[in-house]
Amino acid sequence: MTLRMLFSIQGFNRLTAFATGGAGGYAFTNPDVDNVYDIFPVLKPPPYAFLNLYKVKEEDKHQFEQSWKEVAKFNQRQEGYLYTRFMKADPRSEGYQNRTYDYIDIVQWTTGDAQRRAALRPIYKELEEKLPGERLPAPMMFTQVVDDTQKTPT
């Protein structure tokens, strides 16, 4: 290529097209946290939450919490796992004496099938059997209706 070709209108047009394509390609293949391009955001399914309720005897609570941590570690290694919230009844609450359950866990998965696949694994079943206390026969599945975790600018 000669300098005349580089500095002509054709050379300028090629350079502009090359730079624009490179910048656009880079932006779509390397999004940052605040700038993710979702081509079909309406078609993205909401995450699924599975709720487990546990009733545990006072003397078994420490063992239950330790065993439950193993279940949570197992879930973290599974495909489709998002996060877990594990809560226990607060003794300072007015209704503490009349509580039905002592612990609640909420596990979020990308799909209901992801949770089902994890729950069907033999290791998961072994870990669940080690949990002392009573629980519902199967976790209750919920889907997200409103999510206010992302702050909107005011």
Protein backbone atom coordinates (compact mmCIF):
# COMPACT_ATOMS: atom_id res chain seq x y z
CA MET A 1 0.00 0.00 0.00
CA THR A 2 1.19 3.42 -0.77
CA LEU A 3 0.84 6.52 1.39
CA ARG A 4 -1.50 7.97 -1.22
CA MET A 5 -3.89 5.01 -0.72
CA LEU A 6 -3.76 5.31 3.10
CA PHE A 7 -4.55 9.02 3.16
CA SER A 8 -7.28 8.98 0.52
CA ILE A 9 -11.03 8.88 1.10
CA GLN A 10 -11.03 5.12 0.53
CA GLY A 11 -8.29 4.62 3.13
CA PHE A 12 -10.11 6.85 5.62
CA ASN A 13 -13.36 4.91 5.10
CA ARG A 14 -11.59 1.57 5.62
CA LEU A 15 -9.85 2.80 8.75
CA THR A 16 -13.13 4.15 10.16
CA ALA A 17 -14.98 0.89 9.44
CA PHE A 18 -12.16 -1.17 10.97
CA ALA A 19 -12.02 0.96 14.14
CA THR A 20 -15.81 1.02 14.57
CA GLY A 21 -16.10 -2.74 14.07
CA GLY A 22 -13.27 -3.40 16.50
CA ALA A 23 -14.72 -1.12 19.18
CA GLY A 24 -18.23 -2.56 18.77
CA GLY A 25 -16.96 -6.14 18.79
CA TYR A 26 -14.88 -5.49 21.89
CA ALA A 27 -17.82 -3.88 23.71
CA PHE A 28 -20.11 -6.87 23.08
CA THR A 29 -17.55 -9.56 23.88
CA ASN A 30 -16.12 -7.85 26.99
CA PRO A 31 -18.99 -6.22 28.87
CA ASP A 32 -18.35 -4.75 32.29
CA VAL A 33 -20.64 -5.00 35.31
CA ASP A 34 -22.67 -1.89 34.46
CA ASN A 35 -22.82 -2.48 30.72
CA VAL A 36 -24.15 -5.94 29.82
CA TYR A 37 -25.95 -6.31 26.51
CA ASP A 38 -28.86 -8.71 26.77
CA ILE A 39 -30.31 -9.11 23.30
CA PHE A 40 -33.60 -10.64 24.48
CA PRO A 41 -34.07 -9.53 28.12
CA VAL A 42 -37.80 -10.29 28.09
CA LEU A 43 -37.13 -13.96 27.37
CA LYS A 44 -34.81 -14.44 30.35
CA PRO A 45 -36.60 -16.64 32.90
CA PRO A 46 -36.66 -15.51 36.53
CA PRO A 47 -34.68 -17.51 39.08
CA TYR A 48 -36.46 -20.22 41.05
CA ALA A 49 -36.43 -20.28 44.84
CA PHE A 50 -36.89 -23.46 46.84
CA LEU A 51 -38.06 -23.11 50.41
CA ASN A 52 -37.31 -25.73 53.08
CA LEU A 53 -38.72 -25.59 56.61
CA TYR A 54 -37.08 -27.47 59.49
CA LYS A 55 -38.18 -28.32 63.04
CA VAL A 56 -35.17 -29.26 65.18
CA LYS A 57 -34.89 -30.25 68.85
CA GLU A 58 -32.92 -27.84 71.03
CA GLU A 59 -30.15 -30.38 71.72
CA ASP A 60 -29.69 -31.10 67.98
CA LYS A 61 -29.45 -27.50 66.75
CA HIS A 62 -25.64 -27.27 66.65
CA GLN A 63 -25.33 -30.59 64.82
CA PHE A 64 -28.09 -29.52 62.44
CA GLU A 65 -26.32 -26.27 61.55
CA GLN A 66 -23.03 -28.08 60.93
CA SER A 67 -24.70 -30.71 58.75
CA TRP A 68 -26.68 -28.08 56.88
CA LYS A 69 -23.44 -26.29 55.97
CA GLU A 70 -22.34 -29.43 54.16
CA VAL A 71 -25.57 -29.41 52.13
CA ALA A 72 -24.95 -25.75 51.23
CA LYS A 73 -21.36 -26.51 50.14
CA PHE A 74 -22.64 -29.31 47.94
CA ASN A 75 -25.22 -27.00 46.33
CA GLN A 76 -22.56 -24.39 45.61
CA ARG A 77 -20.76 -26.85 43.35
CA GLN A 78 -23.86 -27.65 41.28
CA GLU A 79 -24.72 -26.22 37.88
CA GLY A 80 -27.48 -23.61 38.01
CA TYR A 81 -26.98 -22.74 41.70
CA LEU A 82 -27.28 -19.03 42.52
CA TYR A 83 -27.29 -18.59 46.31
CA THR A 84 -28.74 -19.70 49.64
CA ARG A 85 -30.34 -17.84 52.53
CA PHE A 86 -30.44 -19.76 55.81
CA MET A 87 -32.44 -18.30 58.71
CA LYS A 88 -33.46 -19.42 62.14
CA ALA A 89 -36.24 -18.27 64.42
CA ASP A 90 -35.19 -15.39 66.65
CA PRO A 91 -35.84 -16.04 70.38
CA ARG A 92 -36.42 -12.30 70.88
CA SER A 93 -39.53 -12.48 68.69
CA GLU A 94 -42.93 -12.35 70.38
CA GLY A 95 -44.19 -15.48 68.63
CA TYR A 96 -41.06 -17.55 69.30
CA GLN A 97 -42.78 -19.90 71.75
CA ASN A 98 -45.55 -20.68 69.23
CA ARG A 99 -43.28 -21.24 66.22
CA THR A 100 -43.96 -24.11 63.88
CA TYR A 101 -40.46 -24.32 62.38
CA ASP A 102 -37.02 -23.44 63.72
CA TYR A 103 -35.09 -22.96 60.47
CA ILE A 104 -35.87 -21.84 56.95
CA ASP A 105 -33.58 -22.10 53.96
CA ILE A 106 -34.21 -20.44 50.63
CA VAL A 107 -32.05 -21.76 47.79
CA GLN A 108 -32.15 -19.97 44.44
CA TRP A 109 -31.49 -21.80 41.18
CA THR A 110 -31.53 -20.64 37.58
CA THR A 111 -34.11 -23.30 36.69
CA GLY A 112 -36.27 -25.76 38.56
CA ASP A 113 -34.57 -28.54 36.63
CA ALA A 114 -31.17 -27.53 38.02
CA GLN A 115 -32.45 -28.01 41.56
CA ARG A 116 -34.05 -31.33 40.64
CA ARG A 117 -30.80 -32.63 39.13
CA ALA A 118 -28.86 -31.64 42.27
CA ALA A 119 -31.45 -33.21 44.58
CA LEU A 120 -31.39 -36.51 42.67
CA ARG A 121 -27.66 -37.03 43.22
CA PRO A 122 -26.83 -39.72 45.80
CA ILE A 123 -24.46 -37.41 47.70
CA TYR A 124 -27.25 -34.88 48.22
CA LYS A 125 -29.58 -37.58 49.54
CA GLU A 126 -26.90 -38.75 52.00
CA LEU A 127 -26.33 -35.21 53.24
CA GLU A 128 -30.07 -34.61 53.66
CA GLU A 129 -30.46 -37.82 55.66
CA LYS A 130 -27.76 -36.66 58.10
CA LEU A 131 -29.80 -33.59 59.02
CA PRO A 132 -31.43 -34.16 62.41
CA GLY A 133 -35.00 -33.01 62.85
CA GLU A 134 -38.14 -32.87 60.76
CA ARG A 135 -38.77 -31.09 57.48
CA LEU A 136 -41.33 -30.85 54.75
CA PRO A 137 -41.24 -33.92 52.45
CA ALA A 138 -40.12 -31.80 49.49
CA PRO A 139 -39.04 -28.18 49.10
CA MET A 140 -41.69 -25.73 47.93
CA MET A 141 -40.83 -24.01 44.62
CA PHE A 142 -41.40 -20.29 44.12
CA THR A 143 -40.68 -18.01 41.19
CA GLN A 144 -39.63 -14.40 41.43
CA VAL A 145 -42.35 -11.79 41.11
CA VAL A 146 -40.57 -8.60 42.22
CA ASP A 147 -36.85 -8.01 42.68
CA ASP A 148 -35.76 -4.82 44.40
CA THR A 149 -32.10 -5.78 44.88
CA GLN A 150 -31.03 -3.46 42.06
CA LYS A 151 -31.38 0.19 42.98
CA THR A 152 -32.94 2.37 40.35
CA PRO A 153 -31.71 5.93 39.96
CA THR A 154 -34.10 8.51 41.37
